[in-house]
Amino acid sequence: MDLNGTDCRLFFDEIRYWPKHATQRPEFKRLSVKAVLAKAKTMNEPEPAQATLNKHRQRLSVFFNWLVKNSHMKANPLAGVLNHKKDDAEEETGRSFTQQELDAVFEPAKFQEWAKDYPHRWWVPQLGLYSGARVNELSQLYVADVEMVNGIPGYHINKRFLGQKLKNKASKRFVPLAQPLVDAGFLAYVEDVKTAGHDRLFPHLPNNDGKGFGKQMSKQFCAYIKERGVAEDGMGMHAFRHLLATRLDRAGVSESTIGKITGHKSPNATLPKFYIDTPTLQERVTVLAKFQSDVQLLTYQSGQFDASLKEAHELPAKWKADKEKRDRQPKRVSPQTR
């Protein structure tokens, strides 16, 4: 088999035009691959997400490696082809929630029904609403990250503990707890997690692939908001980030001050090794008080997740067993990449 990097680049240049769900759509039925691509180009079909293209590349590379291993090829032609970095949906895509969408997401009966069995569903969206923090930053929190600094409750976003990651240096910060979250009982939940004997604040969220604890949370939240009518591609937890920044900007808060809460990069920022920035802490509390979500949060009742937290102690062993089972299974190559 004679393939090289140029062939692979041509393939990825074309696959960008491959229409979504092509094999299920009647307008592409019985067409060859070339004919499908030609038709899709005339229809201005949206390009696949970069994450999807990277997934195709990974699967194709697995197939090429198998061919090399079995002496059907001398080398993997994808080895010199750039693997584009996955788009950061938290930063680069989507928009803010509208107030109508926000009302739908936090409609009390629907939100309670969705979140009643899992504390991460209950708290991560509410924390995101009042902090603009990234989904992985919130999903990876440990109990020890929640602290009182100068009499102000809040949580550290850092990488002090196993599995924690930071997007960049500006991400390291202490986020004051907005008063609505205090009133909704977040600190009572933290005490319940301590009592249950967990180190992590949301022990139901796994990190089996090492890419962060937020992956499952993100998928669950996206599925939920679609049910609530927010079905636009690219909408998810990051919409809280846009929402907070937009409303604080409209309230006259400076970009640099907003960045101290959300962890956005500041071109002239000099960050200490452990970022709390105590002199501006009260300023951040005051700024967060300017954010008005215009939704009523549900009040947490102490002990409401006791059964769920107890069951969560069994999850690490289950995740380990599931991972070992997956690792033993042979890699499957998608028919689209053959």
Protein backbone atom coordinates (compact mmCIF):
# COMPACT_ATOMS: atom_id res chain seq x y z
CA MET A 1 0.00 0.00 0.00
CA ASP A 2 1.49 3.31 -1.11
CA LEU A 3 0.11 6.28 0.86
CA ASN A 4 1.87 9.39 2.11
CA GLY A 5 1.18 12.54 4.09
CA THR A 6 -0.10 14.39 1.02
CA ASP A 7 -2.78 11.73 0.52
CA CYS A 8 -3.84 12.13 4.14
CA ARG A 9 -4.04 15.92 3.86
CA LEU A 10 -6.21 15.59 0.75
CA PHE A 11 -8.45 13.17 2.63
CA PHE A 12 -8.95 15.62 5.51
CA ASP A 13 -9.49 18.51 3.10
CA GLU A 14 -12.39 16.54 1.63
CA ILE A 15 -13.80 15.06 4.83
CA ARG A 16 -14.57 18.59 5.99
CA TYR A 17 -17.42 18.56 3.48
CA TRP A 18 -18.88 15.24 4.61
CA PRO A 19 -22.48 15.98 5.66
CA LYS A 20 -23.78 15.09 9.08
CA HIS A 21 -25.76 11.80 9.18
CA ALA A 22 -25.14 11.33 5.45
CA THR A 23 -25.90 7.59 5.48
CA GLN A 24 -29.34 8.27 6.99
CA ARG A 25 -30.42 11.11 4.70
CA PRO A 26 -32.48 10.33 1.58
CA GLU A 27 -30.77 12.99 -0.56
CA PHE A 28 -27.49 11.08 -0.28
CA LYS A 29 -28.92 7.58 -0.61
CA ARG A 30 -27.13 5.29 -3.11
CA LEU A 31 -24.54 7.95 -3.91
CA SER A 32 -20.84 7.14 -3.99
CA VAL A 33 -18.51 8.83 -1.52
CA LYS A 34 -17.30 11.25 -4.21
CA ALA A 35 -20.88 12.03 -5.23
CA VAL A 36 -21.91 12.67 -1.63
CA LEU A 37 -19.02 15.11 -1.19
CA ALA A 38 -19.80 16.87 -4.47
CA LYS A 39 -23.47 17.27 -3.55
CA ALA A 40 -22.64 18.43 -0.01
CA LYS A 41 -20.36 21.16 -1.38
CA THR A 42 -23.22 22.60 -3.43
CA MET A 43 -25.48 22.55 -0.35
CA ASN A 44 -23.06 24.49 1.88
CA GLU A 45 -23.21 21.83 4.57
CA PRO A 46 -21.62 22.91 7.90
CA GLU A 47 -18.15 21.54 8.56
CA PRO A 48 -17.68 18.87 11.25
CA ALA A 49 -16.34 20.12 14.56
CA GLN A 50 -12.56 19.99 14.95
CA ALA A 51 -13.05 17.39 17.70
CA THR A 52 -14.83 15.15 15.18
CA LEU A 53 -12.03 15.54 12.64
CA ASN A 54 -9.47 14.69 15.31
CA LYS A 55 -11.49 11.59 16.19
CA HIS A 56 -11.43 10.48 12.54
CA ARG A 57 -7.68 11.09 12.47
CA GLN A 58 -7.15 9.00 15.60
CA ARG A 59 -9.13 6.06 14.25
CA LEU A 60 -7.41 6.23 10.90
CA SER A 61 -4.04 6.30 12.63
CA VAL A 62 -4.96 3.16 14.61
CA PHE A 63 -5.77 1.41 11.33
CA PHE A 64 -2.49 2.54 9.72
CA ASN A 65 -0.52 1.39 12.76
CA TRP A 66 -2.13 -2.04 12.42
CA LEU A 67 -1.10 -2.14 8.76
CA VAL A 68 2.48 -1.21 9.68
CA LYS A 69 2.58 -3.79 12.45
CA ASN A 70 1.44 -6.49 10.02
CA SER A 71 3.94 -5.42 7.30
CA HIS A 72 1.31 -4.05 4.90
CA MET A 73 2.88 -0.58 5.10
CA LYS A 74 6.36 0.67 5.91
CA ALA A 75 5.28 3.68 7.97
CA ASN A 76 2.18 5.46 9.22
CA PRO A 77 1.55 8.29 6.69
CA LEU A 78 -0.28 10.29 9.35
CA ALA A 79 2.86 10.60 11.47
CA GLY A 80 3.83 13.92 9.91
CA VAL A 81 0.32 15.33 9.55
CA LEU A 82 -0.62 17.94 12.13
CA ASN A 83 -3.28 16.90 14.62
CA HIS A 84 -5.16 20.10 15.28
CA LYS A 85 -5.81 21.04 18.84
CA LYS A 86 -9.36 20.38 19.96
CA ASP A 87 -11.48 23.52 20.02
CA ASP A 88 -12.05 24.89 23.50
CA ALA A 89 -15.83 25.11 23.66
CA GLU A 90 -15.55 27.02 26.90
CA GLU A 91 -13.69 29.86 25.21
CA GLU A 92 -14.24 29.85 21.49
CA THR A 93 -17.82 28.81 20.75
CA GLY A 94 -21.37 29.43 21.75
CA ARG A 95 -23.03 32.46 23.28
CA SER A 96 -24.69 33.56 26.48
CA PHE A 97 -28.00 32.11 27.64
CA THR A 98 -30.96 34.39 27.06
CA GLN A 99 -33.12 35.07 30.10
CA GLN A 100 -35.85 32.90 28.61
CA GLU A 101 -33.39 30.01 28.24
CA LEU A 102 -32.07 30.58 31.75
CA ASP A 103 -35.61 30.43 33.12
CA ALA A 104 -36.18 27.15 31.26
CA VAL A 105 -32.93 25.59 32.53
CA PHE A 106 -33.62 26.46 36.17
CA GLU A 107 -37.38 25.91 36.09
CA PRO A 108 -37.73 24.49 39.63
CA ALA A 109 -39.71 21.31 38.98
CA LYS A 110 -37.73 20.30 35.88
CA PHE A 111 -34.33 21.12 37.36
CA GLN A 112 -35.09 19.26 40.58
CA GLU A 113 -36.28 16.18 38.70
CA TRP A 114 -33.07 16.14 36.62
CA ALA A 115 -30.68 16.85 39.50
CA LYS A 116 -32.30 15.10 42.47
CA ASP A 117 -30.10 11.97 42.42
CA TYR A 118 -26.70 13.47 41.63
CA PRO A 119 -25.03 16.33 43.52
CA HIS A 120 -22.91 17.39 40.54
CA ARG A 121 -26.08 18.03 38.53
CA TRP A 122 -27.48 20.07 41.40
CA TRP A 123 -24.44 22.19 42.13
CA VAL A 124 -22.17 22.48 39.07
CA PRO A 125 -24.70 24.46 36.97
CA GLN A 126 -25.45 26.73 39.92
CA LEU A 127 -21.76 27.31 40.59
CA GLY A 128 -21.23 27.98 36.88
CA LEU A 129 -24.08 30.48 36.86
CA TYR A 130 -22.52 32.53 39.66
CA SER A 131 -18.85 32.22 38.70
CA GLY A 132 -18.51 31.71 34.95
CA ALA A 133 -16.02 28.96 35.77
CA ARG A 134 -15.26 26.27 33.20
CA VAL A 135 -17.05 22.96 33.55
CA ASN A 136 -13.84 21.05 34.26
CA GLU A 137 -12.71 23.60 36.85
CA LEU A 138 -15.90 23.02 38.84
CA SER A 139 -16.16 19.27 38.26
CA GLN A 140 -12.64 18.67 39.63
CA LEU A 141 -13.12 20.53 42.93
CA TYR A 142 -12.02 18.84 46.13
CA VAL A 143 -13.53 19.47 49.54
CA ALA A 144 -10.24 21.08 50.59
CA ASP A 145 -10.62 23.60 47.76
CA VAL A 146 -13.55 25.19 49.60
CA GLU A 147 -12.16 27.59 52.17
CA MET A 148 -12.83 30.75 54.16
CA VAL A 149 -10.34 33.53 53.30
CA ASN A 150 -10.51 36.71 55.39
CA GLY A 151 -14.00 35.73 56.45
CA ILE A 152 -15.11 35.26 52.83
CA PRO A 153 -16.21 31.76 51.72
CA GLY A 154 -15.08 30.60 48.30
CA TYR A 155 -13.18 27.93 46.42
CA HIS A 156 -9.73 27.57 44.88
CA ILE A 157 -9.37 26.69 41.23
CA ASN A 158 -5.94 25.12 41.11
CA LYS A 159 -4.15 21.84 40.45
CA ARG A 160 -3.11 20.87 43.96
CA PHE A 161 -4.78 17.47 43.97
CA LEU A 162 -4.85 14.28 41.89
CA GLY A 163 -6.42 14.73 38.47
CA GLN A 164 -6.80 18.50 38.62
CA LYS A 165 -5.84 20.57 35.58
CA LEU A 166 -5.56 24.25 34.70
CA LYS A 167 -6.18 25.73 31.26
CA ASN A 168 -3.52 28.43 31.75
CA LYS A 169 -1.77 30.48 34.45
CA ALA A 170 -4.66 32.94 34.67
CA SER A 171 -6.98 30.07 35.57
CA LYS A 172 -5.41 29.72 39.03
CA ARG A 173 -7.67 31.78 41.29
CA PHE A 174 -9.86 31.98 44.36
CA VAL A 175 -13.53 32.49 43.54
CA PRO A 176 -15.69 34.06 46.26
CA LEU A 177 -18.95 32.24 46.84
CA ALA A 178 -21.82 34.43 45.62
CA GLN A 179 -24.44 35.09 48.27
CA PRO A 180 -27.25 33.26 46.42
CA LEU A 181 -25.14 30.08 46.60
CA VAL A 182 -24.60 30.56 50.33
CA ASP A 183 -28.34 31.11 50.77
CA ALA A 184 -29.07 28.00 48.66
CA GLY A 185 -27.07 25.84 51.10
CA PHE A 186 -23.83 25.09 49.23
CA LEU A 187 -21.74 25.12 52.41
CA ALA A 188 -24.15 22.66 54.02
CA TYR A 189 -23.54 20.34 51.06
CA VAL A 190 -19.77 20.66 51.56
CA GLU A 191 -20.22 19.55 55.17
CA ASP A 192 -22.30 16.57 54.02
CA VAL A 193 -19.51 15.51 51.63
CA LYS A 194 -16.99 15.75 54.48
CA THR A 195 -19.23 13.65 56.70
CA ALA A 196 -19.60 11.07 53.94
CA GLY A 197 -15.81 10.72 53.81
CA HIS A 198 -15.15 11.91 50.26
CA ASP A 199 -12.14 13.98 49.20
CA ARG A 200 -13.71 15.17 45.96
CA LEU A 201 -16.70 17.47 46.03
CA PHE A 202 -18.49 15.62 43.23
CA PRO A 203 -17.44 11.97 43.59
CA HIS A 204 -19.83 10.67 40.92
CA LEU A 205 -17.78 12.22 38.12
CA PRO A 206 -15.03 9.99 36.67
CA ASN A 207 -11.78 10.91 34.96
CA ASN A 208 -11.06 7.59 33.30
CA ASP A 209 -9.38 9.01 30.19
CA GLY A 210 -7.25 11.52 32.12
CA LYS A 211 -8.75 14.47 30.23
CA GLY A 212 -10.62 15.88 33.19
CA PHE A 213 -13.63 15.32 35.41
CA GLY A 214 -15.87 17.65 33.40
CA LYS A 215 -16.49 15.45 30.36
CA GLN A 216 -19.45 13.54 31.79
CA MET A 217 -20.88 16.63 33.47
CA SER A 218 -20.77 18.51 30.19
CA LYS A 219 -22.56 15.72 28.30
CA GLN A 220 -25.27 15.41 30.93
CA PHE A 221 -25.91 19.14 31.05
CA CYS A 222 -26.01 19.48 27.26
CA ALA A 223 -28.57 16.67 27.06
CA TYR A 224 -30.66 18.32 29.77
CA ILE A 225 -30.76 21.80 28.20
CA LYS A 226 -31.75 20.29 24.86
CA GLU A 227 -34.76 18.79 26.60
CA ARG A 228 -35.50 22.27 27.94
CA GLY A 229 -35.47 23.74 24.45
CA VAL A 230 -31.85 24.97 24.22
CA ALA A 231 -30.92 22.81 21.25
CA GLU A 232 -28.51 25.08 19.37
CA ASP A 233 -25.14 23.48 18.60
CA GLY A 234 -22.33 24.73 20.82
CA MET A 235 -24.54 25.57 23.80
CA GLY A 236 -23.53 24.11 27.16
CA MET A 237 -21.97 25.02 30.50
CA HIS A 238 -19.75 27.62 28.81
CA ALA A 239 -22.88 29.73 28.18
CA PHE A 240 -22.79 30.63 31.90
CA ARG A 241 -19.30 31.98 31.30
CA HIS A 242 -20.54 34.24 28.54
CA LEU A 243 -23.55 35.23 30.63
CA LEU A 244 -21.59 36.35 33.69
CA ALA A 245 -18.99 38.26 31.67
CA THR A 246 -21.63 39.96 29.54
CA ARG A 247 -23.83 41.08 32.42
CA LEU A 248 -20.91 42.28 34.53
CA ASP A 249 -19.61 44.21 31.55
CA ARG A 250 -23.01 45.85 31.15
CA ALA A 251 -22.91 46.69 34.86
CA GLY A 252 -19.74 48.68 34.22
CA VAL A 253 -17.22 46.20 35.65
CA SER A 254 -13.77 46.39 34.07
CA GLU A 255 -12.45 43.56 31.90
CA SER A 256 -9.51 42.95 34.24
CA THR A 257 -11.80 42.60 37.27
CA ILE A 258 -14.11 40.22 35.43
CA GLY A 259 -11.02 38.18 34.48
CA LYS A 260 -10.07 37.79 38.16
CA ILE A 261 -13.37 35.95 38.66
CA THR A 262 -13.61 33.98 35.43
CA GLY A 263 -9.90 33.26 34.99
CA HIS A 264 -9.63 34.89 31.58
CA LYS A 265 -6.14 35.78 30.46
CA SER A 266 -5.00 39.34 31.00
CA PRO A 267 -2.16 40.45 28.70
CA ASN A 268 -0.39 42.39 31.45
CA ALA A 269 -1.14 40.09 34.37
CA THR A 270 1.62 38.96 36.71
CA LEU A 271 0.34 36.09 38.78
CA PRO A 272 1.85 34.84 42.03
CA LYS A 273 2.48 31.14 42.44
CA PHE A 274 -0.69 30.63 44.45
CA TYR A 275 -3.32 33.07 43.28
CA ILE A 276 -5.67 34.49 45.90
CA ASP A 277 -4.90 38.20 45.47
CA THR A 278 -6.23 39.14 48.88
CA PRO A 279 -6.23 42.92 48.29
CA THR A 280 -8.86 42.54 45.54
CA LEU A 281 -10.90 39.85 47.29
CA GLN A 282 -13.54 42.20 48.68
CA GLU A 283 -13.72 43.87 45.27
CA ARG A 284 -14.59 40.52 43.69
CA VAL A 285 -17.30 39.95 46.32
CA THR A 286 -18.77 43.35 45.50
CA VAL A 287 -18.59 42.65 41.78
CA LEU A 288 -20.33 39.28 42.09
CA ALA A 289 -23.12 41.01 43.99
CA LYS A 290 -23.75 43.08 40.85
CA PHE A 291 -24.52 39.95 38.86
CA GLN A 292 -28.26 39.36 38.67
CA SER A 293 -29.38 36.01 37.28
CA ASP A 294 -33.10 36.69 37.78
CA VAL A 295 -33.67 33.00 38.59
CA GLN A 296 -34.57 31.47 41.93
CA LEU A 297 -32.21 28.72 43.07
CA LEU A 298 -33.54 25.65 44.82
CA THR A 299 -32.62 25.40 48.50
CA TYR A 300 -30.46 22.43 49.47
CA GLN A 301 -31.67 20.37 52.40
CA SER A 302 -28.88 18.94 54.55
CA GLY A 303 -28.64 15.21 54.03
CA GLN A 304 -30.59 15.10 50.77
CA PHE A 305 -27.70 13.38 48.96
CA ASP A 306 -26.62 11.09 51.82
CA ALA A 307 -27.68 7.90 50.02
CA SER A 308 -26.11 9.00 46.76
CA LEU A 309 -22.84 9.97 48.46
CA LYS A 310 -22.74 6.61 50.24
CA GLU A 311 -23.15 4.73 46.96
CA ALA A 312 -20.41 6.85 45.34
CA HIS A 313 -17.76 5.07 47.45
CA GLU A 314 -18.19 2.03 45.20
CA LEU A 315 -17.64 3.93 41.96
CA PRO A 316 -13.80 4.04 41.77
CA ALA A 317 -13.60 0.24 41.82
CA LYS A 318 -16.28 0.04 39.13
CA TRP A 319 -14.51 2.62 36.95
CA LYS A 320 -11.24 0.73 37.31
CA ALA A 321 -12.87 -2.56 36.33
CA ASP A 322 -14.61 -0.96 33.35
CA LYS A 323 -11.35 0.59 32.16
CA GLU A 324 -9.48 -2.70 32.44
CA LYS A 325 -12.23 -4.36 30.42
CA ARG A 326 -12.03 -1.70 27.71
CA ASP A 327 -8.24 -1.96 27.59
CA ARG A 328 -8.48 -5.69 26.95
CA GLN A 329 -10.79 -5.22 23.97
CA PRO A 330 -9.26 -4.79 20.48
CA LYS A 331 -9.47 -1.32 18.98
CA ARG A 332 -12.29 -0.91 16.50
CA VAL A 333 -11.84 1.13 13.34
CA SER A 334 -14.82 3.10 12.04
CA PRO A 335 -15.96 2.02 8.54
CA GLN A 336 -15.80 5.68 7.48
CA THR A 337 -12.02 5.71 7.97
CA ARG A 338 -11.29 2.51 6.09
